Amino acid sequence: MLNKQSLTIAIVSVLCCAAVQVDGAKPAKGGGGGNHIQRGIQLAQEKHYDAAADEFGKAIKDNPKDPRGYANRGTAYRQGARTAMAAGDSEGASTRYQAALADFAKYIELAPKDASGYTEHGQTLSELKQYDAALADLNKALEIKPDDLNTVKFRGFAEIGLNQWDKAVADFSAVIQKKQDDLQSYDRRALAYRSMKNYDAAIADYTFLITKNPNDMEATTKRGYTYSLAQQYQNAIADYQAVIKVNPQDNDTFQRLQYAQSMLAAKNASPSPTPPIASPTPEEKRLMDKINPLYIGIGVVALLIIAVIVRLLTRGKAEPSSHRIR
């Protein structure tokens, strides 16, 4: 079954796909800074993110009050951090993420009424799993620009990170309402629905994704997993088999298929009759169960009467002498 780690990776991959690209700003007056910005944009488009960051740094040096340089360099740093993370360089990714946060913070300082600065800073915090701080930034951005769908979507990502499933559903639904072809939002909303155990709604979202792209094996796997959680094992088996047909080496899906098949077999098996519970025989009763308290009382009274009679009969008789040596 899908574990928490795979879900976390899924969230990160969605954020990467949803990244805002380096802003195509117009050259600044004065020439030099604008040329560096254009060169940085070109390098970033070629995925040379560190070189792009250097060019944006030169633009900042030429014009330190222009927020565009910080915005663009922060984005290049963040893209470089993702690349480093994908390569297994966690230290390099951390360094670049921190540099991106510093640039976006400077962007906010120079342009405090620009919602984009808060969105970029919040998105970066979300990728670092600092979801509470990310929400604060994203909410601030939405105060300035309430209808920005990218910011609403990024807030949904942060809400998923905080297990705020109902809020995430609301945000992704708001995006889908205005962008019905936003497949990312269907995928993330399905995760939120599934986490709320609203399996029918989750299955509907995954089915929509599969309808749009029948070759989307990831959505098919997720739908199969959701069917399994809903104990609709026959449907889960069909989805898993479709995935394995495309990728026979998918061991994870094969294990999920085996699980669904075993659960279906157990569900369809005839229940074995429950043996009747035997009543205890008289011999098995405890001794105290046999004794009536009334009989005990009568016996005690009888013993007392006998003791009194014996005492009366023996009164006045000489005591036998003692043979002990004095």
C-alpha atoms as a PDB file:
ATOM      1  CA  MET A   1       0.000   0.000   0.000  1.00  0.00           C
ATOM      2  CA  LEU A   2       1.035   3.590  -0.478  1.00  0.00           C
ATOM      3  CA  ASN A   3       3.112   4.731   2.471  1.00  0.00           C
ATOM      4  CA  LYS A   4       3.631   8.173   3.961  1.00  0.00           C
ATOM      5  CA  GLN A   5       7.014   8.581   2.311  1.00  0.00           C
ATOM      6  CA  SER A   6       5.587   8.069  -1.161  1.00  0.00           C
ATOM      7  CA  LEU A   7       2.866  10.607  -0.409  1.00  0.00           C
ATOM      8  CA  THR A   8       5.467  13.156   0.703  1.00  0.00           C
ATOM      9  CA  ILE A   9       7.469  12.596  -2.458  1.00  0.00           C
ATOM     10  CA  ALA A  10       4.321  13.041  -4.493  1.00  0.00           C
ATOM     11  CA  ILE A  11       3.652  16.405  -2.888  1.00  0.00           C
ATOM     12  CA  VAL A  12       7.173  17.601  -3.596  1.00  0.00           C
ATOM     13  CA  SER A  13       7.015  16.475  -7.216  1.00  0.00           C
ATOM     14  CA  VAL A  14       3.762  18.370  -7.707  1.00  0.00           C
ATOM     15  CA  LEU A  15       5.315  21.511  -6.297  1.00  0.00           C
ATOM     16  CA  CYS A  16       8.201  21.173  -8.706  1.00  0.00           C
ATOM     17  CA  CYS A  17       5.852  20.828 -11.651  1.00  0.00           C
ATOM     18  CA  ALA A  18       3.880  23.843 -10.497  1.00  0.00           C
ATOM     19  CA  ALA A  19       6.916  26.077 -10.117  1.00  0.00           C
ATOM     20  CA  VAL A  20       6.668  29.657 -11.347  1.00  0.00           C
ATOM     21  CA  GLN A  21       9.316  30.139 -13.990  1.00  0.00           C
ATOM     22  CA  VAL A  22      11.907  32.892 -13.900  1.00  0.00           C
ATOM     23  CA  ASP A  23      10.169  36.159 -14.578  1.00  0.00           C
ATOM     24  CA  GLY A  24      10.730  37.653 -18.022  1.00  0.00           C
ATOM     25  CA  ALA A  25      11.310  41.177 -16.804  1.00  0.00           C
ATOM     26  CA  LYS A  26      11.952  44.086 -19.101  1.00  0.00           C
ATOM     27  CA  PRO A  27      15.496  45.488 -19.104  1.00  0.00           C
ATOM     28  CA  ALA A  28      16.038  48.202 -16.537  1.00  0.00           C
ATOM     29  CA  LYS A  29      17.040  51.650 -17.622  1.00  0.00           C
ATOM     30  CA  GLY A  30      20.765  52.033 -17.693  1.00  0.00           C
ATOM     31  CA  GLY A  31      21.489  48.911 -19.750  1.00  0.00           C
ATOM     32  CA  GLY A  32      23.832  46.782 -17.632  1.00  0.00           C
ATOM     33  CA  GLY A  33      21.401  45.381 -15.084  1.00  0.00           C
ATOM     34  CA  GLY A  34      18.800  44.614 -17.734  1.00  0.00           C
ATOM     35  CA  ASN A  35      21.342  42.757 -19.853  1.00  0.00           C
ATOM     36  CA  HIS A  36      22.284  40.569 -16.901  1.00  0.00           C
ATOM     37  CA  ILE A  37      18.620  39.845 -16.230  1.00  0.00           C
ATOM     38  CA  GLN A  38      18.035  38.767 -19.826  1.00  0.00           C
ATOM     39  CA  ARG A  39      21.182  36.616 -19.781  1.00  0.00           C
ATOM     40  CA  GLY A  40      20.084  35.066 -16.471  1.00  0.00           C
ATOM     41  CA  ILE A  41      16.663  34.237 -17.896  1.00  0.00           C
ATOM     42  CA  GLN A  42      18.257  32.531 -20.871  1.00  0.00           C
ATOM     43  CA  LEU A  43      20.548  30.461 -18.644  1.00  0.00           C
ATOM     44  CA  ALA A  44      17.641  29.477 -16.404  1.00  0.00           C
ATOM     45  CA  GLN A  45      15.623  28.344 -19.427  1.00  0.00           C
ATOM     46  CA  GLU A  46      18.612  26.173 -20.331  1.00  0.00           C
ATOM     47  CA  LYS A  47      18.533  24.790 -16.778  1.00  0.00           C
ATOM     48  CA  HIS A  48      21.898  26.309 -15.854  1.00  0.00           C
ATOM     49  CA  TYR A  49      20.480  27.573 -12.595  1.00  0.00           C
ATOM     50  CA  ASP A  50      23.699  28.387 -10.739  1.00  0.00           C
ATOM     51  CA  ALA A  51      25.001  30.374 -13.703  1.00  0.00           C
ATOM     52  CA  ALA A  52      21.644  32.128 -13.941  1.00  0.00           C
ATOM     53  CA  ALA A  53      21.847  33.049 -10.261  1.00  0.00           C
ATOM     54  CA  ASP A  54      25.287  34.561 -10.878  1.00  0.00           C
ATOM     55  CA  GLU A  55      23.908  36.733 -13.689  1.00  0.00           C
ATOM     56  CA  PHE A  56      21.022  37.902 -11.539  1.00  0.00           C
ATOM     57  CA  GLY A  57      23.558  38.681  -8.831  1.00  0.00           C
ATOM     58  CA  LYS A  58      25.372  40.986 -11.241  1.00  0.00           C
ATOM     59  CA  ALA A  59      22.076  42.703 -12.029  1.00  0.00           C
ATOM     60  CA  ILE A  60      21.499  43.200  -8.296  1.00  0.00           C
ATOM     61  CA  LYS A  61      24.969  44.695  -7.924  1.00  0.00           C
ATOM     62  CA  ASP A  62      24.219  47.181 -10.718  1.00  0.00           C
ATOM     63  CA  ASN A  63      20.803  48.067  -9.286  1.00  0.00           C
ATOM     64  CA  PRO A  64      20.357  46.854  -5.659  1.00  0.00           C
ATOM     65  CA  LYS A  65      16.987  48.584  -5.294  1.00  0.00           C
ATOM     66  CA  ASP A  66      15.360  46.706  -8.178  1.00  0.00           C
ATOM     67  CA  PRO A  67      13.242  43.883  -6.675  1.00  0.00           C
ATOM     68  CA  ARG A  68      13.239  41.963  -9.955  1.00  0.00           C
ATOM     69  CA  GLY A  69      16.834  40.878  -9.508  1.00  0.00           C
ATOM     70  CA  TYR A  70      16.084  39.322  -6.118  1.00  0.00           C
ATOM     71  CA  ALA A  71      12.887  37.689  -7.378  1.00  0.00           C
ATOM     72  CA  ASN A  72      14.660  36.122 -10.336  1.00  0.00           C
ATOM     73  CA  ARG A  73      17.743  35.054  -8.417  1.00  0.00           C
ATOM     74  CA  GLY A  74      15.554  33.527  -5.700  1.00  0.00           C
ATOM     75  CA  THR A  75      13.702  31.512  -8.325  1.00  0.00           C
ATOM     76  CA  ALA A  76      16.984  30.350  -9.884  1.00  0.00           C
ATOM     77  CA  TYR A  77      18.275  29.304  -6.469  1.00  0.00           C
ATOM     78  CA  ARG A  78      15.075  27.359  -5.808  1.00  0.00           C
ATOM     79  CA  GLN A  79      15.261  25.591  -9.154  1.00  0.00           C
ATOM     80  CA  GLY A  80      18.900  24.760  -8.421  1.00  0.00           C
ATOM     81  CA  ALA A  81      17.861  23.401  -5.019  1.00  0.00           C
ATOM     82  CA  ARG A  82      15.356  21.063  -6.672  1.00  0.00           C
ATOM     83  CA  THR A  83      17.985  19.841  -9.089  1.00  0.00           C
ATOM     84  CA  ALA A  84      20.414  19.212  -6.230  1.00  0.00           C
ATOM     85  CA  MET A  85      17.728  17.372  -4.279  1.00  0.00           C
ATOM     86  CA  ALA A  86      16.954  15.141  -7.249  1.00  0.00           C
ATOM     87  CA  ALA A  87      20.675  14.336  -7.504  1.00  0.00           C
ATOM     88  CA  GLY A  88      20.816  13.367  -3.833  1.00  0.00           C
ATOM     89  CA  ASP A  89      22.783  16.454  -2.804  1.00  0.00           C
ATOM     90  CA  SER A  90      20.773  17.439   0.263  1.00  0.00           C
ATOM     91  CA  GLU A  91      23.424  19.813   1.573  1.00  0.00           C
ATOM     92  CA  GLY A  92      23.601  21.659  -1.744  1.00  0.00           C
ATOM     93  CA  ALA A  93      19.810  21.797  -1.881  1.00  0.00           C
ATOM     94  CA  SER A  94      19.609  23.231   1.639  1.00  0.00           C
ATOM     95  CA  THR A  95      22.159  25.950   0.836  1.00  0.00           C
ATOM     96  CA  ARG A  96      20.290  27.016  -2.271  1.00  0.00           C
ATOM     97  CA  TYR A  97      16.900  26.956  -0.535  1.00  0.00           C
ATOM     98  CA  GLN A  98      18.191  29.246   2.199  1.00  0.00           C
ATOM     99  CA  ALA A  99      19.619  31.599  -0.416  1.00  0.00           C
ATOM    100  CA  ALA A 100      16.243  31.608  -2.188  1.00  0.00           C
ATOM    101  CA  LEU A 101      14.433  32.475   1.040  1.00  0.00           C
ATOM    102  CA  ALA A 102      16.822  35.367   1.661  1.00  0.00           C
ATOM    103  CA  ASP A 103      16.236  36.746  -1.840  1.00  0.00           C
ATOM    104  CA  PHE A 104      12.461  36.455  -1.596  1.00  0.00           C
ATOM    105  CA  ALA A 105      12.568  38.164   1.801  1.00  0.00           C
ATOM    106  CA  LYS A 106      14.497  41.033   0.186  1.00  0.00           C
ATOM    107  CA  TYR A 107      11.945  41.078  -2.615  1.00  0.00           C
ATOM    108  CA  ILE A 108       9.180  41.524  -0.003  1.00  0.00           C
ATOM    109  CA  GLU A 109      11.172  44.275   1.707  1.00  0.00           C
ATOM    110  CA  LEU A 110      11.548  46.254  -1.520  1.00  0.00           C
ATOM    111  CA  ALA A 111       8.004  45.583  -2.776  1.00  0.00           C
ATOM    112  CA  PRO A 112       5.796  44.919   0.277  1.00  0.00           C
ATOM    113  CA  LYS A 113       2.574  45.444  -1.682  1.00  0.00           C
ATOM    114  CA  ASP A 114       3.485  42.909  -4.371  1.00  0.00           C
ATOM    115  CA  ALA A 115       1.688  39.633  -3.650  1.00  0.00           C
ATOM    116  CA  SER A 116       4.220  37.647  -5.704  1.00  0.00           C
ATOM    117  CA  GLY A 117       6.948  38.101  -3.110  1.00  0.00           C
ATOM    118  CA  TYR A 118       4.838  36.466  -0.393  1.00  0.00           C
ATOM    119  CA  THR A 119       3.743  33.706  -2.770  1.00  0.00           C
ATOM    120  CA  GLU A 120       7.329  32.860  -3.757  1.00  0.00           C
ATOM    121  CA  HIS A 121       8.552  32.952  -0.170  1.00  0.00           C
ATOM    122  CA  GLY A 122       5.622  30.823   0.992  1.00  0.00           C
ATOM    123  CA  GLN A 123       6.064  28.309  -1.798  1.00  0.00           C
ATOM    124  CA  THR A 124       9.739  27.884  -0.891  1.00  0.00           C
ATOM    125  CA  LEU A 125       8.886  27.389   2.781  1.00  0.00           C
ATOM    126  CA  SER A 126       6.336  24.769   1.772  1.00  0.00           C
ATOM    127  CA  GLU A 127       8.964  22.843  -0.171  1.00  0.00           C
ATOM    128  CA  LEU A 128      11.071  22.912   2.997  1.00  0.00           C
ATOM    129  CA  LYS A 129       8.039  21.477   4.869  1.00  0.00           C
ATOM    130  CA  GLN A 130       7.741  24.589   7.016  1.00  0.00           C
ATOM    131  CA  TYR A 131       4.019  24.579   6.406  1.00  0.00           C
ATOM    132  CA  ASP A 132       2.821  26.899   9.163  1.00  0.00           C
ATOM    133  CA  ALA A 133       5.168  29.676   8.063  1.00  0.00           C
ATOM    134  CA  ALA A 134       4.248  28.993   4.444  1.00  0.00           C
ATOM    135  CA  LEU A 135       0.542  29.432   5.214  1.00  0.00           C
ATOM    136  CA  ALA A 136       1.209  32.803   6.814  1.00  0.00           C
ATOM    137  CA  ASP A 137       2.945  34.031   3.645  1.00  0.00           C
ATOM    138  CA  LEU A 138       0.365  32.589   1.290  1.00  0.00           C
ATOM    139  CA  ASN A 139      -2.522  34.056   3.264  1.00  0.00           C
ATOM    140  CA  LYS A 140      -0.786  37.431   3.160  1.00  0.00           C
ATOM    141  CA  ALA A 141      -0.433  37.139  -0.599  1.00  0.00           C
ATOM    142  CA  LEU A 142      -4.135  36.343  -0.914  1.00  0.00           C
ATOM    143  CA  GLU A 143      -5.030  39.366   1.186  1.00  0.00           C
ATOM    144  CA  ILE A 144      -3.283  41.485  -1.444  1.00  0.00           C
ATOM    145  CA  LYS A 145      -4.458  39.491  -4.456  1.00  0.00           C
ATOM    146  CA  PRO A 146      -7.412  37.263  -3.510  1.00  0.00           C
ATOM    147  CA  ASP A 147      -8.024  35.771  -6.949  1.00  0.00           C
ATOM    148  CA  ASP A 148      -4.507  34.470  -7.639  1.00  0.00           C
ATOM    149  CA  LEU A 149      -5.125  30.802  -8.421  1.00  0.00           C
ATOM    150  CA  ASN A 150      -1.454  29.796  -8.162  1.00  0.00           C
ATOM    151  CA  THR A 151      -1.332  31.096  -4.610  1.00  0.00           C
ATOM    152  CA  VAL A 152      -4.568  29.290  -3.742  1.00  0.00           C
ATOM    153  CA  LYS A 153      -3.083  26.085  -5.118  1.00  0.00           C
ATOM    154  CA  PHE A 154       0.185  26.516  -3.193  1.00  0.00           C
ATOM    155  CA  ARG A 155      -1.861  27.072  -0.035  1.00  0.00           C
ATOM    156  CA  GLY A 156      -3.603  23.782  -0.759  1.00  0.00           C
ATOM    157  CA  PHE A 157      -0.192  22.060  -0.878  1.00  0.00           C
ATOM    158  CA  ALA A 158       0.706  23.537   2.522  1.00  0.00           C
ATOM    159  CA  GLU A 159      -2.656  22.472   3.952  1.00  0.00           C
ATOM    160  CA  ILE A 160      -2.012  18.922   2.792  1.00  0.00           C
ATOM    161  CA  GLY A 161       1.337  19.086   4.585  1.00  0.00           C
ATOM    162  CA  LEU A 162      -0.536  20.025   7.765  1.00  0.00           C
ATOM    163  CA  ASN A 163      -3.217  17.340   7.256  1.00  0.00           C
ATOM    164  CA  GLN A 164      -5.860  20.054   6.916  1.00  0.00           C
ATOM    165  CA  TRP A 165      -7.752  17.952   4.415  1.00  0.00           C
ATOM    166  CA  ASP A 166     -11.033  19.862   4.361  1.00  0.00           C
ATOM    167  CA  LYS A 167      -9.281  23.186   3.747  1.00  0.00           C
ATOM    168  CA  ALA A 168      -7.172  21.622   1.003  1.00  0.00           C
ATOM    169  CA  VAL A 169     -10.313  20.287  -0.691  1.00  0.00           C
ATOM    170  CA  ALA A 170     -11.834  23.764  -0.576  1.00  0.00           C
ATOM    171  CA  ASP A 171      -8.755  25.400  -2.128  1.00  0.00           C
ATOM    172  CA  PHE A 172      -8.297  22.847  -4.894  1.00  0.00           C
ATOM    173  CA  SER A 173     -12.021  22.968  -5.642  1.00  0.00           C
ATOM    174  CA  ALA A 174     -11.774  26.747  -5.984  1.00  0.00           C
ATOM    175  CA  VAL A 175      -8.965  26.302  -8.509  1.00  0.00           C
ATOM    176  CA  ILE A 176     -10.844  23.605 -10.428  1.00  0.00           C
ATOM    177  CA  GLN A 177     -13.958  25.752 -10.590  1.00  0.00           C
ATOM    178  CA  LYS A 178     -12.058  28.361 -12.600  1.00  0.00           C
ATOM    179  CA  LYS A 179      -9.546  26.057 -14.300  1.00  0.00           C
ATOM    180  CA  GLN A 180     -11.309  22.813 -15.080  1.00  0.00           C
ATOM    181  CA  ASP A 181      -8.262  21.491 -16.925  1.00  0.00           C
ATOM    182  CA  ASP A 182      -5.906  21.877 -13.930  1.00  0.00           C
ATOM    183  CA  LEU A 183      -5.054  18.192 -13.526  1.00  0.00           C
ATOM    184  CA  GLN A 184      -2.718  18.838 -10.596  1.00  0.00           C
ATOM    185  CA  SER A 185      -5.560  20.143  -8.505  1.00  0.00           C
ATOM    186  CA  TYR A 186      -7.658  17.043  -9.236  1.00  0.00           C
ATOM    187  CA  ASP A 187      -4.787  14.822  -8.120  1.00  0.00           C
ATOM    188  CA  ARG A 188      -4.166  16.724  -4.873  1.00  0.00           C
ATOM    189  CA  ARG A 189      -7.879  17.030  -4.128  1.00  0.00           C
ATOM    190  CA  ALA A 190      -8.208  13.276  -4.593  1.00  0.00           C
ATOM    191  CA  LEU A 191      -5.472  12.749  -1.999  1.00  0.00           C
ATOM    192  CA  ALA A 192      -7.288  15.034   0.430  1.00  0.00           C
ATOM    193  CA  TYR A 193     -10.602  13.274  -0.180  1.00  0.00           C
ATOM    194  CA  ARG A 194      -8.968   9.881   0.318  1.00  0.00           C
ATOM    195  CA  SER A 195      -7.375  11.021   3.572  1.00  0.00           C
ATOM    196  CA  MET A 196     -10.835  12.102   4.752  1.00  0.00           C
ATOM    197  CA  LYS A 197     -12.081   8.596   3.831  1.00  0.00           C
ATOM    198  CA  ASN A 198     -14.367  10.113   1.219  1.00  0.00           C
ATOM    199  CA  TYR A 199     -13.405   7.350  -1.164  1.00  0.00           C
ATOM    200  CA  ASP A 200     -16.160   7.911  -3.722  1.00  0.00           C
ATOM    201  CA  ALA A 201     -15.092  11.534  -4.262  1.00  0.00           C
ATOM    202  CA  ALA A 202     -11.436  10.530  -4.515  1.00  0.00           C
ATOM    203  CA  ILE A 203     -12.247   7.807  -7.046  1.00  0.00           C
ATOM    204  CA  ALA A 204     -14.223  10.326  -9.101  1.00  0.00           C
ATOM    205  CA  ASP A 205     -11.207  12.657  -9.281  1.00  0.00           C
ATOM    206  CA  TYR A 206      -8.827   9.853 -10.243  1.00  0.00           C
ATOM    207  CA  THR A 207     -11.317   8.640 -12.850  1.00  0.00           C
ATOM    208  CA  PHE A 208     -11.398  12.144 -14.332  1.00  0.00           C
ATOM    209  CA  LEU A 209      -7.598  12.111 -14.613  1.00  0.00           C
ATOM    210  CA  ILE A 210      -7.650   8.702 -16.282  1.00  0.00           C
ATOM    211  CA  THR A 211     -10.360   9.847 -18.684  1.00  0.00           C
ATOM    212  CA  LYS A 212      -8.172  12.790 -19.679  1.00  0.00           C
ATOM    213  CA  ASN A 213      -5.119  10.562 -20.039  1.00  0.00           C
ATOM    214  CA  PRO A 214      -5.806   6.802 -20.239  1.00  0.00           C
ATOM    215  CA  ASN A 215      -2.053   6.158 -20.086  1.00  0.00           C
ATOM    216  CA  ASP A 216      -1.713   7.832 -16.696  1.00  0.00           C
ATOM    217  CA  MET A 217      -0.569   4.783 -14.760  1.00  0.00           C
ATOM    218  CA  GLU A 218       0.129   6.827 -11.632  1.00  0.00           C
ATOM    219  CA  ALA A 219      -3.508   7.907 -11.411  1.00  0.00           C
ATOM    220  CA  THR A 220      -4.591   4.336 -12.155  1.00  0.00           C
ATOM    221  CA  THR A 221      -2.431   3.020  -9.318  1.00  0.00           C
ATOM    222  CA  LYS A 222      -3.815   5.627  -6.921  1.00  0.00           C
ATOM    223  CA  ARG A 223      -7.372   4.809  -7.918  1.00  0.00           C
ATOM    224  CA  GLY A 224      -6.672   1.109  -7.372  1.00  0.00           C
ATOM    225  CA  TYR A 225      -5.315   1.875  -3.909  1.00  0.00           C
ATOM    226  CA  THR A 226      -8.403   3.955  -3.130  1.00  0.00           C
ATOM    227  CA  TYR A 227     -10.676   1.127  -4.329  1.00  0.00           C
ATOM    228  CA  SER A 228      -8.777  -1.193  -1.998  1.00  0.00           C
ATOM    229  CA  LEU A 229      -9.290   1.155   0.962  1.00  0.00           C
ATOM    230  CA  ALA A 230     -12.986   1.236   0.116  1.00  0.00           C
ATOM    231  CA  GLN A 231     -12.958  -2.603   0.103  1.00  0.00           C
ATOM    232  CA  GLN A 232     -13.940  -2.591  -3.583  1.00  0.00           C
ATOM    233  CA  TYR A 233     -11.302  -5.226  -4.235  1.00  0.00           C
ATOM    234  CA  GLN A 234     -12.549  -6.322  -7.642  1.00  0.00           C
ATOM    235  CA  ASN A 235     -12.129  -2.799  -9.016  1.00  0.00           C
ATOM    236  CA  ALA A 236      -8.740  -2.468  -7.318  1.00  0.00           C
ATOM    237  CA  ILE A 237      -7.569  -5.688  -8.957  1.00  0.00           C
ATOM    238  CA  ALA A 238      -8.612  -4.428 -12.392  1.00  0.00           C
ATOM    239  CA  ASP A 239      -6.621  -1.199 -11.955  1.00  0.00           C
ATOM    240  CA  TYR A 240      -3.534  -2.979 -10.618  1.00  0.00           C
ATOM    241  CA  GLN A 241      -3.612  -5.470 -13.475  1.00  0.00           C
ATOM    242  CA  ALA A 242      -3.790  -2.613 -15.990  1.00  0.00           C
ATOM    243  CA  VAL A 243      -0.688  -1.040 -14.431  1.00  0.00           C
ATOM    244  CA  ILE A 244       1.273  -4.302 -14.345  1.00  0.00           C
ATOM    245  CA  LYS A 245       0.364  -4.958 -17.979  1.00  0.00           C
ATOM    246  CA  VAL A 246       2.172  -1.729 -18.897  1.00  0.00           C
ATOM    247  CA  ASN A 247       5.019  -2.213 -16.417  1.00  0.00           C
ATOM    248  CA  PRO A 248       5.468  -5.884 -15.439  1.00  0.00           C
ATOM    249  CA  GLN A 249       8.456  -4.966 -13.233  1.00  0.00           C
ATOM    250  CA  ASP A 250       6.364  -2.788 -10.911  1.00  0.00           C
ATOM    251  CA  ASN A 251       6.831  -4.846  -7.748  1.00  0.00           C
ATOM    252  CA  ASP A 252       4.973  -2.417  -5.488  1.00  0.00           C
ATOM    253  CA  THR A 253       1.839  -2.646  -7.583  1.00  0.00           C
ATOM    254  CA  PHE A 254       2.226  -6.409  -7.812  1.00  0.00           C
ATOM    255  CA  GLN A 255       2.234  -6.638  -4.010  1.00  0.00           C
ATOM    256  CA  ARG A 256      -0.852  -4.443  -3.831  1.00  0.00           C
ATOM    257  CA  LEU A 257      -2.504  -6.708  -6.394  1.00  0.00           C
ATOM    258  CA  GLN A 258      -1.751  -9.771  -4.273  1.00  0.00           C
ATOM    259  CA  TYR A 259      -3.167  -8.047  -1.211  1.00  0.00           C
ATOM    260  CA  ALA A 260      -6.390  -7.108  -3.019  1.00  0.00           C
ATOM    261  CA  GLN A 261      -6.744 -10.646  -4.364  1.00  0.00           C
ATOM    262  CA  SER A 262      -6.281 -12.188  -0.923  1.00  0.00           C
ATOM    263  CA  MET A 263      -8.780  -9.782   0.627  1.00  0.00           C
ATOM    264  CA  LEU A 264     -11.315 -10.510  -2.098  1.00  0.00           C
ATOM    265  CA  ALA A 265     -10.886 -14.257  -1.558  1.00  0.00           C
ATOM    266  CA  ALA A 266     -11.387 -13.837   2.183  1.00  0.00           C
ATOM    267  CA  LYS A 267     -14.428 -11.639   1.598  1.00  0.00           C
ATOM    268  CA  ASN A 268     -16.011 -14.192  -0.721  1.00  0.00           C
ATOM    269  CA  ALA A 269     -15.232 -17.201   1.470  1.00  0.00           C
ATOM    270  CA  SER A 270     -18.201 -18.846   3.250  1.00  0.00           C
ATOM    271  CA  PRO A 271     -18.065 -18.077   6.954  1.00  0.00           C
ATOM    272  CA  SER A 272     -17.424 -21.202   9.092  1.00  0.00           C
ATOM    273  CA  PRO A 273     -20.219 -22.067  11.543  1.00  0.00           C
ATOM    274  CA  THR A 274     -19.535 -21.013  15.081  1.00  0.00           C
ATOM    275  CA  PRO A 275     -19.498 -24.068  17.428  1.00  0.00           C
ATOM    276  CA  PRO A 276     -22.093 -23.895  20.222  1.00  0.00           C
ATOM    277  CA  ILE A 277     -20.812 -23.175  23.677  1.00  0.00           C
ATOM    278  CA  ALA A 278     -21.286 -26.314  25.835  1.00  0.00           C
ATOM    279  CA  SER A 279     -23.160 -25.943  29.099  1.00  0.00           C
ATOM    280  CA  PRO A 280     -21.200 -27.041  32.151  1.00  0.00           C
ATOM    281  CA  THR A 281     -22.095 -30.484  33.534  1.00  0.00           C
ATOM    282  CA  PRO A 282     -23.171 -30.864  37.157  1.00  0.00           C
ATOM    283  CA  GLU A 283     -19.754 -32.398  37.890  1.00  0.00           C
ATOM    284  CA  GLU A 284     -18.026 -29.266  36.641  1.00  0.00           C
ATOM    285  CA  LYS A 285     -19.800 -27.009  39.117  1.00  0.00           C
ATOM    286  CA  ARG A 286     -17.640 -25.630  41.871  1.00  0.00           C
ATOM    287  CA  LEU A 287     -18.096 -26.973  45.373  1.00  0.00           C
ATOM    288  CA  MET A 288     -19.299 -23.646  46.746  1.00  0.00           C
ATOM    289  CA  ASP A 289     -22.051 -23.605  44.111  1.00  0.00           C
ATOM    290  CA  LYS A 290     -23.449 -26.797  45.644  1.00  0.00           C
ATOM    291  CA  ILE A 291     -23.610 -25.513  49.234  1.00  0.00           C
ATOM    292  CA  ASN A 292     -26.729 -23.662  50.222  1.00  0.00           C
ATOM    293  CA  PRO A 293     -26.021 -20.875  52.763  1.00  0.00           C
ATOM    294  CA  LEU A 294     -29.096 -21.942  54.750  1.00  0.00           C
ATOM    295  CA  TYR A 295     -27.603 -25.396  55.306  1.00  0.00           C
ATOM    296  CA  ILE A 296     -24.389 -23.836  56.572  1.00  0.00           C
ATOM    297  CA  GLY A 297     -26.315 -21.811  59.163  1.00  0.00           C
ATOM    298  CA  ILE A 298     -28.269 -24.852  60.358  1.00  0.00           C
ATOM    299  CA  GLY A 299     -25.048 -26.846  60.733  1.00  0.00           C
ATOM    300  CA  VAL A 300     -23.394 -24.137  62.832  1.00  0.00           C
ATOM    301  CA  VAL A 301     -26.440 -23.945  65.188  1.00  0.00           C
ATOM    302  CA  ALA A 302     -26.461 -27.746  65.571  1.00  0.00           C
ATOM    303  CA  LEU A 303     -22.789 -27.790  66.556  1.00  0.00           C
ATOM    304  CA  LEU A 304     -23.394 -25.092  69.178  1.00  0.00           C
ATOM    305  CA  ILE A 305     -26.312 -27.080  70.711  1.00  0.00           C
ATOM    306  CA  ILE A 306     -24.221 -30.260  70.882  1.00  0.00           C
ATOM    307  CA  ALA A 307     -21.386 -28.370  72.558  1.00  0.00           C
ATOM    308  CA  VAL A 308     -23.771 -27.016  75.248  1.00  0.00           C
ATOM    309  CA  ILE A 309     -25.248 -30.459  75.963  1.00  0.00           C
ATOM    310  CA  VAL A 310     -21.815 -32.035  76.367  1.00  0.00           C
ATOM    311  CA  ARG A 311     -20.805 -29.287  78.764  1.00  0.00           C
ATOM    312  CA  LEU A 312     -23.855 -29.827  80.943  1.00  0.00           C
ATOM    313  CA  LEU A 313     -23.322 -33.575  81.127  1.00  0.00           C
ATOM    314  CA  THR A 314     -19.704 -33.331  82.174  1.00  0.00           C
ATOM    315  CA  ARG A 315     -20.136 -30.596  84.804  1.00  0.00           C
ATOM    316  CA  GLY A 316     -19.179 -31.705  88.380  1.00  0.00           C
ATOM    317  CA  LYS A 317     -17.028 -34.729  87.397  1.00  0.00           C
ATOM    318  CA  ALA A 318     -13.497 -34.927  88.830  1.00  0.00           C
ATOM    319  CA  GLU A 319     -10.791 -33.872  86.548  1.00  0.00           C
ATOM    320  CA  PRO A 320      -8.237 -36.578  85.867  1.00  0.00           C
ATOM    321  CA  SER A 321      -4.954 -36.080  87.715  1.00  0.00           C
ATOM    322  CA  SER A 322      -1.993 -34.925  85.871  1.00  0.00           C
ATOM    323  CA  HIS A 323       0.963 -37.278  85.297  1.00  0.00           C
ATOM    324  CA  ARG A 324       3.366 -34.470  84.586  1.00  0.00           C
ATOM    325  CA  ILE A 325       6.351 -34.048  87.003  1.00  0.00           C
ATOM    326  CA  ARG A 326       6.092 -30.951  89.078  1.00  0.00           C
END
